């Protein structure tokens, strides 16, 4: 989802909303909670992550 007017992005995994990330560190914490190793996640891999309204640098 694109960044909201108040800041942050809604994070979904397999259609389930996990919460709102306000920066890349928050996003990677949701990735970890979803059972993935954040160190192995390439945040610019468009086959893995669908960024809306800008890439991982837009919050």
C-alpha atoms as a PDB file:
ATOM      1  CA  UNK A   1       0.000   0.000   0.000  1.00  0.00           C
ATOM      2  CA  UNK A   2       1.250   3.534  -0.690  1.00  0.00           C
ATOM      3  CA  UNK A   3       2.419   5.600   2.260  1.00  0.00           C
ATOM      4  CA  UNK A   4      -0.504   7.095   4.153  1.00  0.00           C
ATOM      5  CA  UNK A   5      -0.932  10.832   4.632  1.00  0.00           C
ATOM      6  CA  UNK A   6       0.090  10.366   8.274  1.00  0.00           C
ATOM      7  CA  UNK A   7       3.163   8.366   7.278  1.00  0.00           C
ATOM      8  CA  UNK A   8       3.762   4.652   7.256  1.00  0.00           C
ATOM      9  CA  UNK A   9       2.845   1.765   5.003  1.00  0.00           C
ATOM     10  CA  UNK A  10       0.489  -1.095   5.682  1.00  0.00           C
ATOM     11  CA  UNK A  11       2.403  -4.387   5.508  1.00  0.00           C
ATOM     12  CA  UNK A  12       0.684  -7.511   4.194  1.00  0.00           C
ATOM     13  CA  UNK A  13       1.947 -11.049   3.874  1.00  0.00           C
ATOM     14  CA  UNK A  14      -0.195 -13.469   1.875  1.00  0.00           C
ATOM     15  CA  UNK A  15      -3.111 -11.019   2.126  1.00  0.00           C
ATOM     16  CA  UNK A  16      -2.939 -10.738   5.919  1.00  0.00           C
ATOM     17  CA  UNK A  17      -2.279  -7.259   7.316  1.00  0.00           C
ATOM     18  CA  UNK A  18       0.565  -7.443   9.822  1.00  0.00           C
ATOM     19  CA  UNK A  19       0.617  -3.772  10.767  1.00  0.00           C
ATOM     20  CA  UNK A  20       1.990  -0.401   9.705  1.00  0.00           C
ATOM     21  CA  UNK A  21       5.685   0.215   9.100  1.00  0.00           C
ATOM     22  CA  UNK A  22       7.015   3.757   9.396  1.00  0.00           C
ATOM     23  CA  UNK A  23      10.492   2.989   8.102  1.00  0.00           C
ATOM     24  CA  UNK A  24      12.527   0.188   6.609  1.00  0.00           C
ATOM     25  CA  UNK A  25      13.551  -1.083  10.049  1.00  0.00           C
ATOM     26  CA  UNK A  26       9.854  -1.527  10.972  1.00  0.00           C
ATOM     27  CA  UNK A  27       9.232  -3.296   7.663  1.00  0.00           C
ATOM     28  CA  UNK A  28      12.083  -5.735   8.254  1.00  0.00           C
ATOM     29  CA  UNK A  29      10.718  -6.498  11.732  1.00  0.00           C
ATOM     30  CA  UNK A  30       7.422  -7.536  10.128  1.00  0.00           C
ATOM     31  CA  UNK A  31       9.410  -9.698   7.710  1.00  0.00           C
ATOM     32  CA  UNK A  32      11.109 -11.354  10.696  1.00  0.00           C
ATOM     33  CA  UNK A  33       7.774 -11.937  12.456  1.00  0.00           C
ATOM     34  CA  UNK A  34       6.485 -13.560   9.277  1.00  0.00           C
ATOM     35  CA  UNK A  35       9.251 -16.155   9.659  1.00  0.00           C
ATOM     36  CA  UNK A  36      11.756 -14.835   7.138  1.00  0.00           C
ATOM     37  CA  UNK A  37      15.359 -13.863   7.738  1.00  0.00           C
ATOM     38  CA  UNK A  38      15.510 -10.072   7.231  1.00  0.00           C
ATOM     39  CA  UNK A  39      19.192 -10.344   6.298  1.00  0.00           C
ATOM     40  CA  UNK A  40      18.200 -12.490   3.315  1.00  0.00           C
ATOM     41  CA  UNK A  41      15.455 -10.163   2.035  1.00  0.00           C
ATOM     42  CA  UNK A  42      16.345  -7.979  -0.931  1.00  0.00           C
ATOM     43  CA  UNK A  43      13.981  -5.017  -0.509  1.00  0.00           C
ATOM     44  CA  UNK A  44      14.361  -4.005  -4.163  1.00  0.00           C
ATOM     45  CA  UNK A  45      13.347  -7.451  -5.495  1.00  0.00           C
ATOM     46  CA  UNK A  46      10.050  -6.678  -7.234  1.00  0.00           C
ATOM     47  CA  UNK A  47       9.311 -10.395  -7.607  1.00  0.00           C
ATOM     48  CA  UNK A  48       9.269 -10.705  -3.804  1.00  0.00           C
ATOM     49  CA  UNK A  49       7.943  -7.330  -2.588  1.00  0.00           C
ATOM     50  CA  UNK A  50       5.266  -5.187  -4.190  1.00  0.00           C
ATOM     51  CA  UNK A  51       5.895  -1.579  -3.227  1.00  0.00           C
ATOM     52  CA  UNK A  52       3.045   0.804  -4.022  1.00  0.00           C
ATOM     53  CA  UNK A  53       3.472   4.555  -4.326  1.00  0.00           C
ATOM     54  CA  UNK A  54       7.276   4.382  -4.290  1.00  0.00           C
ATOM     55  CA  UNK A  55      10.020   1.973  -3.375  1.00  0.00           C
ATOM     56  CA  UNK A  56      11.672   1.137  -0.061  1.00  0.00           C
ATOM     57  CA  UNK A  57      13.030   4.679   0.293  1.00  0.00           C
ATOM     58  CA  UNK A  58       9.556   6.302   0.329  1.00  0.00           C
ATOM     59  CA  UNK A  59       7.895   6.560   3.745  1.00  0.00           C
END
